[in-house]
């Protein structure tokens, strides 16, 4: 991600803001729904721009950003495809970085970890990458034996 340098960046589900450390944007905005997380971020990252908003209803004008980034947050959203379509509306490009089931891990084990343990603790579910890549023009890259998946979407939402 170090080579990525958008002019205007929106990180949806900014969480701790850690992904912002790896992208050198001219101007960045982080969006999160959690008041405690936003309080932490505003204290830890003075001068940064954070907005309380629901990923499913982003409060920005169409085409406001060069890139919208989802960094390990789609699995916790109620309607991931709706959030991605919202991000496509307010940006030229959407980049999604998520955990993915490596081929070496059986689906049953992965489902137990993600849906079972992750679901109980964080409300997580497995990300439906097949549906994501149908939303717009997509490029997909798997990293670290498939444990991480990066999806880059361009264009208008088809969902």
N, C-alpha and C. Protein backbone atom coordinates (compact mmCIF):
# COMPACT_ATOMS: atom_id res chain seq x y z
N UNK A 1 0.82 -1.19 0.00
CA UNK A 1 0.00 0.00 0.00
C UNK A 1 0.86 1.26 0.00
N UNK A 2 2.15 1.10 0.26
CA UNK A 2 3.02 2.26 0.34
C UNK A 2 3.06 3.05 -0.97
N UNK A 3 2.88 2.36 -2.10
CA UNK A 3 2.94 3.04 -3.40
C UNK A 3 1.66 3.80 -3.72
N UNK A 4 0.60 3.55 -2.97
CA UNK A 4 -0.68 4.21 -3.21
C UNK A 4 -0.62 5.63 -2.66
N UNK A 5 -0.88 6.62 -3.52
CA UNK A 5 -0.87 8.02 -3.08
C UNK A 5 -2.05 8.77 -3.69
N UNK A 6 -3.23 8.55 -3.16
CA UNK A 6 -4.38 9.27 -3.68
C UNK A 6 -4.37 10.72 -3.20
N UNK A 7 -4.99 11.58 -3.96
CA UNK A 7 -5.14 12.96 -3.50
C UNK A 7 -6.08 13.02 -2.32
N UNK A 8 -7.29 12.50 -2.51
CA UNK A 8 -8.31 12.52 -1.47
C UNK A 8 -8.70 11.09 -1.13
N UNK A 9 -8.50 10.71 0.12
CA UNK A 9 -8.74 9.33 0.58
C UNK A 9 -9.84 9.31 1.62
N UNK A 10 -10.74 8.34 1.48
CA UNK A 10 -11.76 8.06 2.48
C UNK A 10 -11.53 6.65 2.99
N UNK A 11 -11.31 6.51 4.30
CA UNK A 11 -11.26 5.16 4.87
C UNK A 11 -12.56 4.90 5.60
N UNK A 12 -13.30 3.92 5.13
CA UNK A 12 -14.58 3.55 5.71
C UNK A 12 -14.35 2.48 6.77
N UNK A 13 -14.91 2.68 7.96
CA UNK A 13 -14.65 1.76 9.06
C UNK A 13 -13.21 1.91 9.53
N UNK A 14 -12.81 3.13 9.78
CA UNK A 14 -11.41 3.47 10.04
C UNK A 14 -10.84 2.76 11.28
N UNK A 15 -11.69 2.41 12.24
CA UNK A 15 -11.21 1.68 13.42
C UNK A 15 -10.09 2.42 14.13
N UNK A 16 -8.95 1.77 14.27
CA UNK A 16 -7.81 2.38 14.98
C UNK A 16 -7.05 3.37 14.11
N UNK A 17 -7.34 3.39 12.82
CA UNK A 17 -6.63 4.29 11.92
C UNK A 17 -5.30 3.76 11.44
N UNK A 18 -5.00 2.52 11.77
CA UNK A 18 -3.69 1.94 11.44
C UNK A 18 -3.42 1.89 9.94
N UNK A 19 -4.44 1.61 9.14
CA UNK A 19 -4.22 1.55 7.68
C UNK A 19 -3.83 2.91 7.11
N UNK A 20 -4.27 3.99 7.76
CA UNK A 20 -3.90 5.33 7.29
C UNK A 20 -2.39 5.55 7.36
N UNK A 21 -1.70 4.81 8.23
CA UNK A 21 -0.24 4.95 8.34
C UNK A 21 0.48 4.50 7.08
N UNK A 22 -0.16 3.67 6.28
CA UNK A 22 0.50 3.08 5.12
C UNK A 22 0.15 3.76 3.81
N UNK A 23 -0.73 4.74 3.85
CA UNK A 23 -1.13 5.43 2.64
C UNK A 23 -0.85 6.92 2.82
N UNK A 24 -0.13 7.48 1.90
CA UNK A 24 0.24 8.89 1.99
C UNK A 24 -0.67 9.72 1.09
N UNK A 25 -1.84 10.03 1.58
CA UNK A 25 -2.79 10.83 0.81
C UNK A 25 -2.55 12.31 1.08
N UNK A 26 -2.93 13.14 0.12
CA UNK A 26 -2.85 14.58 0.33
C UNK A 26 -3.84 15.01 1.41
N UNK A 27 -5.00 14.35 1.44
CA UNK A 27 -6.03 14.66 2.42
C UNK A 27 -6.80 13.38 2.68
N UNK A 28 -6.97 13.03 3.94
CA UNK A 28 -7.66 11.78 4.30
C UNK A 28 -8.78 12.05 5.30
N UNK A 29 -9.85 11.30 5.13
CA UNK A 29 -10.98 11.34 6.06
C UNK A 29 -11.24 9.91 6.50
N UNK A 30 -11.39 9.70 7.79
CA UNK A 30 -11.76 8.40 8.31
C UNK A 30 -13.19 8.43 8.81
N UNK A 31 -13.96 7.41 8.47
CA UNK A 31 -15.36 7.31 8.87
C UNK A 31 -15.53 6.08 9.76
N UNK A 32 -16.24 6.25 10.86
CA UNK A 32 -16.56 5.13 11.73
C UNK A 32 -17.87 5.43 12.44
N UNK A 33 -18.57 4.40 12.85
CA UNK A 33 -19.86 4.56 13.54
C UNK A 33 -19.68 4.58 15.06
N UNK A 34 -18.51 4.16 15.53
CA UNK A 34 -18.26 3.98 16.97
C UNK A 34 -17.77 5.27 17.63
N UNK A 35 -18.57 5.80 18.57
CA UNK A 35 -18.15 6.99 19.31
C UNK A 35 -16.87 6.77 20.10
N UNK A 36 -16.72 5.65 20.84
CA UNK A 36 -15.47 5.44 21.58
C UNK A 36 -14.24 5.38 20.65
N UNK A 37 -14.38 4.76 19.50
CA UNK A 37 -13.25 4.69 18.57
C UNK A 37 -12.91 6.07 18.03
N UNK A 38 -13.91 6.85 17.69
CA UNK A 38 -13.66 8.20 17.19
C UNK A 38 -13.03 9.09 18.26
N UNK A 39 -13.45 8.95 19.51
CA UNK A 39 -12.83 9.70 20.61
C UNK A 39 -11.37 9.34 20.73
N UNK A 40 -11.06 8.06 20.68
CA UNK A 40 -9.67 7.60 20.73
C UNK A 40 -8.87 8.18 19.56
N UNK A 41 -9.42 8.08 18.35
CA UNK A 41 -8.72 8.56 17.16
C UNK A 41 -8.45 10.05 17.22
N UNK A 42 -9.43 10.81 17.63
CA UNK A 42 -9.26 12.28 17.68
C UNK A 42 -8.19 12.68 18.69
N UNK A 43 -8.06 11.92 19.78
CA UNK A 43 -7.02 12.21 20.77
C UNK A 43 -5.65 11.74 20.28
N UNK A 44 -5.61 10.59 19.63
CA UNK A 44 -4.33 9.99 19.21
C UNK A 44 -3.79 10.62 17.93
N UNK A 45 -4.64 11.12 17.10
CA UNK A 45 -4.23 11.63 15.77
C UNK A 45 -4.74 13.04 15.57
N UNK A 46 -4.16 13.95 16.31
CA UNK A 46 -4.57 15.36 16.21
C UNK A 46 -4.32 15.88 14.80
N UNK A 47 -5.27 16.66 14.32
CA UNK A 47 -5.15 17.22 12.98
C UNK A 47 -5.71 16.33 11.89
N UNK A 48 -6.04 15.09 12.24
CA UNK A 48 -6.64 14.18 11.25
C UNK A 48 -8.14 14.46 11.19
N UNK A 49 -8.76 13.97 10.15
CA UNK A 49 -10.17 14.24 9.91
C UNK A 49 -11.00 12.97 10.08
N UNK A 50 -11.89 12.99 11.07
CA UNK A 50 -12.72 11.83 11.34
C UNK A 50 -14.17 12.25 11.42
N UNK A 51 -15.05 11.44 10.84
CA UNK A 51 -16.47 11.75 10.77
C UNK A 51 -17.25 10.53 11.28
N UNK A 52 -18.24 10.79 12.11
CA UNK A 52 -19.12 9.70 12.53
C UNK A 52 -20.15 9.49 11.43
N UNK A 53 -20.17 8.29 10.89
CA UNK A 53 -21.13 7.98 9.83
C UNK A 53 -21.27 6.47 9.70
N UNK A 54 -22.41 6.08 9.18
CA UNK A 54 -22.70 4.68 8.88
C UNK A 54 -22.16 4.39 7.48
N UNK A 55 -21.44 3.30 7.33
CA UNK A 55 -20.86 2.93 6.03
C UNK A 55 -21.92 2.72 4.97
N UNK A 56 -23.15 2.44 5.38
CA UNK A 56 -24.24 2.21 4.44
C UNK A 56 -24.88 3.51 3.95
N UNK A 57 -24.57 4.62 4.62
CA UNK A 57 -25.12 5.93 4.26
C UNK A 57 -24.04 7.00 4.44
N UNK A 58 -23.11 7.05 3.53
CA UNK A 58 -21.98 7.98 3.64
C UNK A 58 -22.45 9.42 3.35
N UNK A 59 -22.05 10.37 4.20
CA UNK A 59 -22.56 11.74 4.08
C UNK A 59 -21.70 12.64 3.18
N UNK A 60 -21.31 12.14 2.02
CA UNK A 60 -20.45 12.91 1.12
C UNK A 60 -21.09 13.00 -0.26
N UNK A 61 -20.72 14.04 -1.00
CA UNK A 61 -21.23 14.21 -2.36
C UNK A 61 -20.61 13.19 -3.29
N UNK A 62 -21.32 12.90 -4.35
CA UNK A 62 -20.84 11.95 -5.36
C UNK A 62 -19.49 12.42 -5.89
N UNK A 63 -18.53 11.48 -5.97
CA UNK A 63 -17.22 11.77 -6.54
C UNK A 63 -16.33 12.63 -5.66
N UNK A 64 -16.58 12.70 -4.36
CA UNK A 64 -15.78 13.55 -3.47
C UNK A 64 -14.35 13.07 -3.26
N UNK A 65 -14.09 11.77 -3.43
CA UNK A 65 -12.78 11.20 -3.11
C UNK A 65 -12.18 10.48 -4.31
N UNK A 66 -10.86 10.39 -4.33
CA UNK A 66 -10.17 9.61 -5.35
C UNK A 66 -10.28 8.13 -5.03
N UNK A 67 -10.08 7.79 -3.75
CA UNK A 67 -10.08 6.39 -3.32
C UNK A 67 -10.87 6.26 -2.02
N UNK A 68 -11.69 5.22 -1.94
CA UNK A 68 -12.31 4.81 -0.68
C UNK A 68 -11.70 3.47 -0.30
N UNK A 69 -11.33 3.33 0.95
CA UNK A 69 -10.64 2.13 1.43
C UNK A 69 -11.45 1.45 2.52
N UNK A 70 -11.61 0.14 2.37
CA UNK A 70 -12.17 -0.71 3.42
C UNK A 70 -11.03 -1.61 3.88
N UNK A 71 -10.58 -1.44 5.08
CA UNK A 71 -9.43 -2.20 5.58
C UNK A 71 -9.88 -3.09 6.74
N UNK A 72 -10.16 -4.35 6.44
CA UNK A 72 -10.59 -5.34 7.44
C UNK A 72 -11.87 -4.95 8.17
N UNK A 73 -12.83 -4.38 7.46
CA UNK A 73 -14.07 -4.01 8.16
C UNK A 73 -15.33 -4.56 7.51
N UNK A 74 -15.27 -5.03 6.27
CA UNK A 74 -16.49 -5.49 5.59
C UNK A 74 -17.16 -6.66 6.30
N UNK A 75 -16.38 -7.53 6.89
CA UNK A 75 -16.94 -8.72 7.55
C UNK A 75 -17.83 -8.35 8.73
N UNK A 76 -17.68 -7.16 9.27
CA UNK A 76 -18.48 -6.73 10.40
C UNK A 76 -19.69 -5.90 10.03
N UNK A 77 -19.88 -5.63 8.73
CA UNK A 77 -21.01 -4.80 8.30
C UNK A 77 -22.25 -5.64 8.01
N UNK A 78 -23.40 -5.07 8.29
CA UNK A 78 -24.66 -5.78 8.06
C UNK A 78 -24.91 -6.00 6.57
N UNK A 79 -24.58 -5.01 5.74
CA UNK A 79 -24.81 -5.10 4.30
C UNK A 79 -23.55 -4.64 3.55
N UNK A 80 -22.56 -5.50 3.44
CA UNK A 80 -21.30 -5.10 2.82
C UNK A 80 -21.44 -4.57 1.40
N UNK A 81 -22.28 -5.19 0.59
CA UNK A 81 -22.43 -4.73 -0.80
C UNK A 81 -23.02 -3.32 -0.86
N UNK A 82 -23.96 -3.02 0.01
CA UNK A 82 -24.54 -1.68 0.05
C UNK A 82 -23.46 -0.66 0.43
N UNK A 83 -22.62 -1.00 1.39
CA UNK A 83 -21.54 -0.10 1.81
C UNK A 83 -20.55 0.14 0.68
N UNK A 84 -20.22 -0.92 -0.05
CA UNK A 84 -19.29 -0.79 -1.18
C UNK A 84 -19.90 0.09 -2.26
N UNK A 85 -21.19 -0.08 -2.53
CA UNK A 85 -21.86 0.77 -3.53
C UNK A 85 -21.88 2.23 -3.08
N UNK A 86 -22.08 2.47 -1.81
CA UNK A 86 -22.02 3.83 -1.28
C UNK A 86 -20.62 4.42 -1.50
N UNK A 87 -19.60 3.63 -1.23
CA UNK A 87 -18.22 4.09 -1.41
C UNK A 87 -17.92 4.36 -2.89
N UNK A 88 -18.43 3.51 -3.78
CA UNK A 88 -18.23 3.74 -5.21
C UNK A 88 -18.91 5.03 -5.66
N UNK A 89 -20.00 5.38 -5.02
CA UNK A 89 -20.70 6.61 -5.39
C UNK A 89 -19.90 7.86 -5.00
N UNK A 90 -19.19 7.79 -3.88
CA UNK A 90 -18.46 8.99 -3.41
C UNK A 90 -16.99 8.99 -3.80
N UNK A 91 -16.53 7.96 -4.52
CA UNK A 91 -15.12 7.91 -4.91
C UNK A 91 -14.96 7.34 -6.31
N UNK A 92 -13.79 7.53 -6.88
CA UNK A 92 -13.50 7.01 -8.21
C UNK A 92 -13.12 5.54 -8.17
N UNK A 93 -12.57 5.12 -7.03
CA UNK A 93 -12.06 3.76 -6.90
C UNK A 93 -12.25 3.29 -5.47
N UNK A 94 -12.54 2.00 -5.30
CA UNK A 94 -12.67 1.41 -3.97
C UNK A 94 -11.63 0.30 -3.85
N UNK A 95 -10.91 0.32 -2.73
CA UNK A 95 -9.94 -0.73 -2.44
C UNK A 95 -10.41 -1.44 -1.18
N UNK A 96 -10.51 -2.76 -1.28
CA UNK A 96 -10.96 -3.59 -0.15
C UNK A 96 -9.82 -4.52 0.23
N UNK A 97 -9.46 -4.51 1.50
CA UNK A 97 -8.45 -5.42 2.02
C UNK A 97 -9.13 -6.23 3.11
N UNK A 98 -9.17 -7.53 2.93
CA UNK A 98 -9.89 -8.40 3.87
C UNK A 98 -9.15 -9.72 4.04
N UNK A 99 -9.48 -10.39 5.13
CA UNK A 99 -9.00 -11.76 5.31
C UNK A 99 -9.73 -12.65 4.32
N UNK A 100 -9.04 -13.67 3.88
CA UNK A 100 -9.59 -14.61 2.91
C UNK A 100 -9.23 -16.01 3.36
N UNK A 101 -10.04 -16.99 3.01
CA UNK A 101 -9.72 -18.37 3.38
C UNK A 101 -8.63 -18.91 2.45
N UNK A 102 -7.44 -19.17 3.01
CA UNK A 102 -6.40 -19.79 2.19
C UNK A 102 -6.82 -21.19 1.78
N UNK A 103 -6.41 -21.61 0.63
CA UNK A 103 -6.79 -22.93 0.13
C UNK A 103 -6.29 -24.07 1.03
N UNK A 104 -5.26 -23.81 1.82
CA UNK A 104 -4.72 -24.86 2.70
C UNK A 104 -5.57 -25.08 3.95
N UNK A 105 -6.50 -24.16 4.24
CA UNK A 105 -7.37 -24.31 5.40
C UNK A 105 -8.74 -24.81 4.92
N UNK A 106 -9.19 -25.94 5.44
CA UNK A 106 -10.50 -26.46 5.01
C UNK A 106 -11.62 -25.47 5.31
N UNK A 107 -12.61 -25.40 4.43
CA UNK A 107 -13.72 -24.47 4.56
C UNK A 107 -14.44 -24.64 5.90
N UNK A 108 -14.63 -25.87 6.34
CA UNK A 108 -15.32 -26.12 7.60
C UNK A 108 -14.58 -25.46 8.78
N UNK A 109 -13.25 -25.58 8.80
CA UNK A 109 -12.45 -24.96 9.87
C UNK A 109 -12.54 -23.45 9.78
N UNK A 110 -12.40 -22.91 8.56
CA UNK A 110 -12.48 -21.45 8.35
C UNK A 110 -13.84 -20.92 8.80
N UNK A 111 -14.91 -21.60 8.41
CA UNK A 111 -16.25 -21.17 8.79
C UNK A 111 -16.42 -21.17 10.31
N UNK A 112 -15.86 -22.16 10.98
CA UNK A 112 -15.97 -22.22 12.44
C UNK A 112 -15.23 -21.04 13.07
N UNK A 113 -14.05 -20.72 12.57
CA UNK A 113 -13.27 -19.61 13.13
C UNK A 113 -13.96 -18.28 12.84
N UNK A 114 -14.29 -18.03 11.58
CA UNK A 114 -14.84 -16.73 11.20
C UNK A 114 -16.26 -16.55 11.72
N UNK A 115 -17.13 -17.51 11.41
CA UNK A 115 -18.53 -17.34 11.82
C UNK A 115 -18.74 -17.69 13.29
N UNK A 116 -18.07 -18.73 13.73
CA UNK A 116 -18.25 -19.16 15.12
C UNK A 116 -17.61 -18.19 16.11
N UNK A 117 -16.29 -18.19 16.15
CA UNK A 117 -15.57 -17.36 17.11
C UNK A 117 -15.71 -15.88 16.76
N UNK A 118 -15.40 -15.53 15.52
CA UNK A 118 -15.50 -14.13 15.10
C UNK A 118 -16.91 -13.59 15.18
N UNK A 119 -17.88 -14.43 14.85
CA UNK A 119 -19.27 -14.01 14.90
C UNK A 119 -19.74 -13.72 16.32
N UNK A 120 -19.33 -14.58 17.25
CA UNK A 120 -19.72 -14.37 18.65
C UNK A 120 -19.07 -13.12 19.23
N UNK A 121 -17.80 -12.90 18.93
CA UNK A 121 -17.07 -11.79 19.53
C UNK A 121 -17.32 -10.47 18.80
N UNK A 122 -17.21 -10.49 17.47
CA UNK A 122 -17.24 -9.25 16.71
C UNK A 122 -18.44 -9.11 15.77
N UNK A 123 -19.27 -10.12 15.65
CA UNK A 123 -20.35 -10.08 14.68
C UNK A 123 -19.86 -10.32 13.26
N UNK A 124 -18.67 -10.91 13.13
CA UNK A 124 -18.06 -11.12 11.82
C UNK A 124 -18.73 -12.23 11.05
N UNK A 125 -18.60 -12.14 9.74
CA UNK A 125 -19.03 -13.20 8.83
C UNK A 125 -18.01 -13.23 7.70
N UNK A 126 -18.04 -14.25 6.93
CA UNK A 126 -17.12 -14.37 5.81
C UNK A 126 -17.54 -13.37 4.73
N UNK A 127 -16.57 -12.75 4.08
CA UNK A 127 -16.87 -11.80 3.01
C UNK A 127 -17.16 -12.57 1.73
N UNK A 128 -18.23 -12.21 1.06
CA UNK A 128 -18.63 -12.85 -0.19
C UNK A 128 -17.91 -12.18 -1.35
N UNK A 129 -16.69 -12.65 -1.62
CA UNK A 129 -15.88 -12.05 -2.67
C UNK A 129 -16.50 -12.24 -4.05
N UNK A 130 -17.20 -13.35 -4.27
CA UNK A 130 -17.85 -13.58 -5.56
C UNK A 130 -18.86 -12.49 -5.86
N UNK A 131 -19.61 -12.07 -4.85
CA UNK A 131 -20.58 -11.00 -5.04
C UNK A 131 -19.88 -9.65 -5.21
N UNK A 132 -18.81 -9.43 -4.46
CA UNK A 132 -18.09 -8.16 -4.55
C UNK A 132 -17.54 -7.87 -5.94
N UNK A 133 -16.96 -8.88 -6.56
CA UNK A 133 -16.33 -8.64 -7.86
C UNK A 133 -17.35 -8.41 -8.97
N UNK A 134 -18.64 -8.67 -8.69
CA UNK A 134 -19.68 -8.41 -9.67
C UNK A 134 -20.25 -7.00 -9.54
N UNK A 135 -19.88 -6.29 -8.49
CA UNK A 135 -20.41 -4.96 -8.22
C UNK A 135 -19.92 -3.94 -9.24
N UNK A 136 -18.66 -4.05 -9.67
CA UNK A 136 -18.06 -3.11 -10.62
C UNK A 136 -16.85 -3.79 -11.25
N UNK A 137 -16.16 -3.08 -12.15
CA UNK A 137 -14.92 -3.64 -12.70
C UNK A 137 -13.99 -3.97 -11.55
N UNK A 138 -13.46 -5.18 -11.52
CA UNK A 138 -12.69 -5.62 -10.36
C UNK A 138 -11.34 -6.21 -10.75
N UNK A 139 -10.36 -5.94 -9.90
CA UNK A 139 -9.06 -6.61 -9.97
C UNK A 139 -8.84 -7.23 -8.59
N UNK A 140 -8.41 -8.48 -8.56
CA UNK A 140 -8.27 -9.21 -7.31
C UNK A 140 -6.84 -9.74 -7.19
N UNK A 141 -6.27 -9.56 -6.00
CA UNK A 141 -4.93 -10.08 -5.72
C UNK A 141 -4.97 -10.77 -4.37
N UNK A 142 -4.42 -11.98 -4.30
CA UNK A 142 -4.29 -12.68 -3.03
C UNK A 142 -2.85 -12.57 -2.56
N UNK A 143 -2.68 -12.37 -1.25
CA UNK A 143 -1.35 -12.22 -0.66
C UNK A 143 -1.15 -13.23 0.47
N UNK A 144 0.08 -13.54 0.76
CA UNK A 144 0.44 -14.44 1.86
C UNK A 144 -0.36 -15.75 1.81
N UNK A 145 -0.13 -16.51 0.73
CA UNK A 145 -0.78 -17.81 0.52
C UNK A 145 -2.30 -17.71 0.54
N UNK A 146 -2.82 -16.57 0.19
CA UNK A 146 -4.26 -16.39 0.10
C UNK A 146 -4.94 -15.95 1.37
N UNK A 147 -4.19 -15.68 2.44
CA UNK A 147 -4.80 -15.26 3.70
C UNK A 147 -5.43 -13.87 3.59
N UNK A 148 -4.86 -13.02 2.76
CA UNK A 148 -5.40 -11.68 2.55
C UNK A 148 -5.82 -11.53 1.10
N UNK A 149 -6.90 -10.84 0.89
CA UNK A 149 -7.35 -10.57 -0.48
C UNK A 149 -7.53 -9.06 -0.64
N UNK A 150 -7.01 -8.56 -1.75
CA UNK A 150 -7.18 -7.15 -2.09
C UNK A 150 -8.05 -7.08 -3.34
N UNK A 151 -9.13 -6.34 -3.26
CA UNK A 151 -10.04 -6.15 -4.38
C UNK A 151 -10.07 -4.66 -4.70
N UNK A 152 -9.81 -4.34 -5.97
CA UNK A 152 -9.87 -2.95 -6.42
C UNK A 152 -11.04 -2.84 -7.38
N UNK A 153 -11.97 -1.95 -7.06
CA UNK A 153 -13.17 -1.76 -7.87
C UNK A 153 -13.16 -0.37 -8.48
N UNK A 154 -13.51 -0.30 -9.75
CA UNK A 154 -13.62 0.96 -10.48
C UNK A 154 -14.99 1.05 -11.12
N UNK A 155 -15.49 2.26 -11.26
CA UNK A 155 -16.71 2.45 -12.03
C UNK A 155 -17.94 2.61 -11.18
N UNK A 156 -19.06 2.30 -11.77
CA UNK A 156 -20.37 2.48 -11.15
C UNK A 156 -20.84 1.15 -10.56
N UNK A 157 -21.53 1.23 -9.44
CA UNK A 157 -22.06 0.03 -8.79
C UNK A 157 -23.13 -0.61 -9.65
N UNK A 158 -23.01 -1.93 -9.86
CA UNK A 158 -23.98 -2.69 -10.65
C UNK A 158 -24.99 -3.45 -9.80
N UNK A 159 -24.90 -3.29 -8.50
CA UNK A 159 -25.77 -4.08 -7.60
C UNK A 159 -27.15 -3.46 -7.46
